N, C-alpha and C. Protein backbone atom coordinates (compact mmCIF):
# COMPACT_ATOMS: atom_id res chain seq x y z
N MET A 1 0.79 -1.20 0.01
CA MET A 1 0.05 0.04 0.08
C MET A 1 0.93 1.25 0.00
N SER A 2 0.54 2.09 -1.17
CA SER A 2 1.47 3.40 -0.94
C SER A 2 0.68 4.42 0.01
N LYS A 3 1.64 5.48 0.15
CA LYS A 3 1.42 6.55 1.00
C LYS A 3 0.01 7.32 0.18
N SER A 4 -0.78 7.88 1.24
CA SER A 4 -2.12 8.61 0.71
C SER A 4 -2.01 9.98 1.04
N ILE A 5 -2.82 11.06 0.70
CA ILE A 5 -3.01 12.12 1.30
C ILE A 5 -4.27 12.44 1.32
N GLU A 6 -4.83 13.14 2.30
CA GLU A 6 -6.21 13.53 2.35
C GLU A 6 -6.78 14.79 1.53
N SER A 7 -5.70 15.60 0.97
CA SER A 7 -6.24 16.80 0.44
C SER A 7 -5.04 17.12 -0.64
N SER A 8 -5.36 18.09 -1.60
CA SER A 8 -4.69 18.62 -2.66
C SER A 8 -3.33 19.25 -1.77
N VAL A 9 -2.13 18.95 -2.47
CA VAL A 9 -1.00 19.98 -2.00
C VAL A 9 -0.30 20.58 -3.01
N GLY A 10 -0.04 21.93 -2.91
CA GLY A 10 0.87 22.63 -3.79
C GLY A 10 -0.05 23.83 -4.22
N HIS A 11 0.38 24.38 -5.52
CA HIS A 11 -0.36 25.49 -5.98
C HIS A 11 -1.92 25.10 -5.93
N ASN A 12 -2.85 26.19 -5.48
CA ASN A 12 -4.09 26.29 -5.22
C ASN A 12 -4.52 24.94 -4.43
N GLY A 13 -3.80 24.17 -3.77
CA GLY A 13 -4.35 23.10 -2.98
C GLY A 13 -4.72 23.42 -1.53
N GLN A 14 -5.40 22.55 -1.03
CA GLN A 14 -5.82 22.90 0.58
C GLN A 14 -4.71 22.90 1.39
N ASN A 15 -3.80 22.40 1.24
CA ASN A 15 -2.35 22.25 1.84
C ASN A 15 -2.59 22.14 3.36
N VAL A 16 -3.32 20.77 3.56
CA VAL A 16 -3.47 20.36 5.06
C VAL A 16 -1.98 19.97 5.41
N LYS A 17 -1.53 20.26 6.57
CA LYS A 17 -0.06 19.97 7.00
C LYS A 17 0.28 18.53 6.89
N SER A 18 -0.56 17.48 7.21
CA SER A 18 -0.22 16.14 7.17
C SER A 18 0.01 15.54 5.70
N SER A 19 -0.89 16.31 4.78
CA SER A 19 -0.70 15.81 3.40
C SER A 19 0.47 16.53 3.02
N VAL A 20 0.74 17.66 3.25
CA VAL A 20 2.05 18.49 2.90
C VAL A 20 3.20 17.67 3.11
N MET A 21 3.24 17.21 4.40
CA MET A 21 4.52 16.56 5.02
C MET A 21 4.56 15.17 4.24
N THR A 22 3.54 14.44 3.92
CA THR A 22 3.72 13.09 3.14
C THR A 22 4.52 13.64 1.61
N VAL A 23 3.84 14.45 0.99
CA VAL A 23 4.16 15.00 -0.21
C VAL A 23 5.88 15.58 -0.08
N GLN A 24 6.14 16.25 0.82
CA GLN A 24 7.55 16.60 1.04
C GLN A 24 8.42 15.41 1.15
N TYR A 25 7.90 14.40 1.88
CA TYR A 25 8.90 13.18 2.32
C TYR A 25 9.04 12.45 0.85
N LEU A 26 7.86 12.19 0.26
CA LEU A 26 7.90 11.50 -0.79
C LEU A 26 8.83 12.14 -2.14
N LEU A 27 8.79 13.51 -2.10
CA LEU A 27 9.58 14.17 -3.01
C LEU A 27 11.14 13.94 -2.76
N ASN A 28 11.29 14.13 -1.38
CA ASN A 28 12.85 13.87 -0.83
C ASN A 28 13.26 12.43 -1.14
N CYS A 29 12.35 11.34 -1.43
CA CYS A 29 12.84 10.02 -1.75
C CYS A 29 13.11 9.93 -3.18
N VAL A 30 12.76 10.98 -4.09
CA VAL A 30 13.29 10.94 -5.35
C VAL A 30 14.70 11.34 -5.73
N PRO A 31 15.58 10.60 -6.41
CA PRO A 31 16.86 11.15 -6.68
C PRO A 31 16.85 12.45 -7.43
N ALA A 32 17.84 13.49 -7.21
CA ALA A 32 17.74 14.67 -7.94
C ALA A 32 17.89 14.41 -9.51
N ALA A 33 18.62 13.39 -9.86
CA ALA A 33 18.59 13.22 -11.51
C ALA A 33 17.26 12.64 -11.96
N GLN A 34 16.45 12.36 -11.09
CA GLN A 34 15.16 11.70 -11.60
C GLN A 34 13.83 12.72 -11.35
N GLY A 35 14.60 14.10 -10.70
CA GLY A 35 13.43 15.19 -10.60
C GLY A 35 13.33 15.42 -9.18
N GLY A 36 14.09 14.81 -8.23
CA GLY A 36 13.98 15.20 -6.93
C GLY A 36 14.49 16.57 -6.48
N PRO A 37 13.95 17.14 -5.44
CA PRO A 37 14.54 18.39 -4.80
C PRO A 37 16.26 18.41 -4.43
N GLN A 38 16.72 19.26 -4.74
CA GLN A 38 18.19 19.35 -4.50
C GLN A 38 18.42 21.03 -4.10
N PRO A 39 18.80 21.18 -2.76
CA PRO A 39 18.77 20.05 -1.54
C PRO A 39 17.42 19.74 -1.32
N GLU A 40 17.47 18.65 -0.36
CA GLU A 40 16.21 18.17 0.12
C GLU A 40 15.30 18.98 0.77
N LEU A 41 14.07 19.00 0.67
CA LEU A 41 13.09 19.95 1.34
C LEU A 41 12.92 19.71 2.83
N ALA A 42 12.63 20.62 3.69
CA ALA A 42 12.42 20.29 4.99
C ALA A 42 11.01 19.93 5.09
N VAL A 43 10.61 18.75 5.80
CA VAL A 43 9.41 18.16 5.96
C VAL A 43 8.78 18.92 7.16
N ASP A 44 8.18 20.13 6.73
CA ASP A 44 7.64 20.88 7.91
C ASP A 44 6.18 21.07 7.63
N GLY A 45 5.55 20.75 6.40
CA GLY A 45 4.19 20.78 6.40
C GLY A 45 3.90 22.24 5.87
N ILE A 46 4.78 23.16 5.44
CA ILE A 46 4.55 24.30 4.88
C ILE A 46 4.90 24.29 3.46
N VAL A 47 3.73 24.66 2.57
CA VAL A 47 3.96 25.00 1.15
C VAL A 47 4.54 26.16 0.98
N GLY A 48 5.87 26.32 0.35
CA GLY A 48 6.55 27.54 -0.08
C GLY A 48 6.81 27.39 -1.29
N PRO A 49 7.64 28.43 -1.76
CA PRO A 49 8.14 28.32 -3.12
C PRO A 49 8.98 26.93 -3.60
N ARG A 50 9.79 26.67 -2.60
CA ARG A 50 10.52 25.30 -2.93
C ARG A 50 9.78 24.27 -3.04
N THR A 51 8.80 24.11 -2.21
CA THR A 51 8.00 22.92 -2.20
C THR A 51 7.13 22.90 -3.68
N ILE A 52 6.77 24.08 -4.10
CA ILE A 52 5.77 24.02 -5.25
C ILE A 52 6.77 23.66 -6.42
N ALA A 53 8.08 24.40 -6.41
CA ALA A 53 9.04 24.40 -7.51
C ALA A 53 9.37 22.80 -7.56
N ALA A 54 9.61 22.12 -6.44
CA ALA A 54 9.99 20.63 -6.38
C ALA A 54 8.90 19.81 -7.10
N ILE A 55 7.53 19.99 -6.68
CA ILE A 55 6.48 19.49 -7.32
C ILE A 55 6.81 19.51 -8.94
N LYS A 56 6.69 20.68 -9.21
CA LYS A 56 6.74 21.19 -10.80
C LYS A 56 7.87 20.45 -11.57
N ARG A 57 8.90 20.50 -10.86
CA ARG A 57 10.12 19.83 -11.51
C ARG A 57 10.01 18.33 -11.48
N PHE A 58 9.47 17.68 -10.47
CA PHE A 58 9.16 16.24 -10.67
C PHE A 58 8.05 15.84 -11.62
N GLN A 59 7.00 16.80 -11.48
CA GLN A 59 6.11 16.52 -12.71
C GLN A 59 6.54 16.68 -14.08
N ALA A 60 7.43 17.72 -14.24
CA ALA A 60 7.87 17.84 -15.58
C ALA A 60 8.97 16.66 -16.19
N ARG A 61 9.55 15.85 -15.29
CA ARG A 61 10.36 14.79 -15.45
C ARG A 61 9.51 13.68 -15.64
N LYS A 62 8.47 13.46 -14.69
CA LYS A 62 7.98 12.06 -14.57
C LYS A 62 6.43 11.79 -14.86
N VAL A 63 5.76 12.99 -15.05
CA VAL A 63 4.30 13.12 -15.19
C VAL A 63 3.80 13.54 -16.51
N GLY A 64 4.51 14.50 -17.04
CA GLY A 64 4.40 14.93 -18.67
C GLY A 64 3.42 16.23 -18.37
N PHE A 65 3.35 16.70 -17.30
CA PHE A 65 2.67 18.03 -17.04
C PHE A 65 3.44 18.68 -15.79
N ALA A 66 3.29 20.00 -15.59
CA ALA A 66 3.77 20.62 -14.32
C ALA A 66 2.85 21.73 -13.79
N ASP A 67 1.79 21.23 -13.12
CA ASP A 67 0.75 22.42 -12.62
C ASP A 67 1.07 22.74 -11.06
N GLY A 68 2.15 22.01 -10.61
CA GLY A 68 2.37 22.31 -9.15
C GLY A 68 1.67 21.87 -8.15
N ARG A 69 0.68 20.93 -8.42
CA ARG A 69 -0.13 20.44 -7.36
C ARG A 69 -0.29 18.76 -7.26
N VAL A 70 -0.43 18.35 -6.21
CA VAL A 70 -0.60 16.92 -6.04
C VAL A 70 -1.81 16.62 -5.38
N ASP A 71 -2.58 15.84 -6.22
CA ASP A 71 -4.06 15.69 -5.92
C ASP A 71 -4.17 14.05 -5.22
N PRO A 72 -5.03 13.81 -4.29
CA PRO A 72 -5.21 12.62 -3.84
C PRO A 72 -5.84 11.56 -4.88
N GLY A 73 -5.05 10.46 -5.00
CA GLY A 73 -5.36 9.44 -6.26
C GLY A 73 -4.86 9.88 -7.55
N GLY A 74 -4.10 10.98 -7.61
CA GLY A 74 -3.76 11.44 -9.00
C GLY A 74 -2.49 10.95 -9.46
N LYS A 75 -1.99 11.42 -10.76
CA LYS A 75 -0.94 10.74 -11.46
C LYS A 75 0.44 11.19 -10.77
N THR A 76 0.69 12.36 -10.14
CA THR A 76 1.78 12.74 -9.46
C THR A 76 1.95 11.95 -8.26
N LEU A 77 1.07 11.75 -7.44
CA LEU A 77 1.05 11.04 -6.23
C LEU A 77 1.38 9.44 -6.47
N ALA A 78 0.80 8.96 -7.58
CA ALA A 78 1.14 7.59 -7.99
C ALA A 78 2.71 7.50 -8.39
N ALA A 79 3.02 8.50 -9.13
CA ALA A 79 4.39 8.52 -9.77
C ALA A 79 5.57 8.65 -8.49
N LEU A 80 5.06 9.50 -7.62
CA LEU A 80 6.05 9.75 -6.30
C LEU A 80 6.17 8.56 -5.60
N GLY A 81 4.93 7.55 -5.45
CA GLY A 81 4.90 6.55 -4.63
C GLY A 81 5.86 5.37 -5.19
N VAL A 82 6.29 5.38 -6.43
CA VAL A 82 7.24 4.49 -6.92
C VAL A 82 8.67 4.50 -6.10
N PHE A 83 8.91 5.87 -5.79
CA PHE A 83 10.20 6.15 -5.18
C PHE A 83 10.35 5.77 -3.65
N ASP A 84 9.20 5.56 -3.11
CA ASP A 84 9.04 5.29 -1.61
C ASP A 84 9.69 4.15 -1.18
N PRO A 85 10.88 4.30 -0.20
CA PRO A 85 11.40 3.07 -0.06
C PRO A 85 10.78 2.17 0.99
N TYR A 86 9.64 2.82 1.59
CA TYR A 86 8.71 2.22 2.92
C TYR A 86 7.37 2.29 2.53
N PRO A 87 6.95 1.70 1.37
CA PRO A 87 5.53 1.99 1.10
C PRO A 87 4.38 1.49 1.92
N HIS A 88 4.80 0.68 2.87
CA HIS A 88 3.87 -0.03 3.73
C HIS A 88 3.78 0.47 4.95
N GLN A 89 4.75 1.48 5.29
CA GLN A 89 4.76 2.44 6.62
C GLN A 89 3.91 3.71 6.40
N PRO A 90 2.87 4.15 7.18
CA PRO A 90 2.18 5.37 7.12
C PRO A 90 3.15 6.50 7.26
């Protein structure tokens, strides 16, 4: 089972702290060469310009669009889940 989020994260997202922290963690699991942030994001639950830029960079590399938002059950979240080294842990 991969990680889930309860609400959208990023540009025009609801940005609930627990969902933001999940997305920040997952982005940090992605190697920089494959679209992950460099340096890693602080997993602080705050959506700032670095988090949105990291979402867009990952989307551009792996999803085929870059709207800067991660939605529950969406393509970006599924693509991030591939990089999670601990998919069965909440």
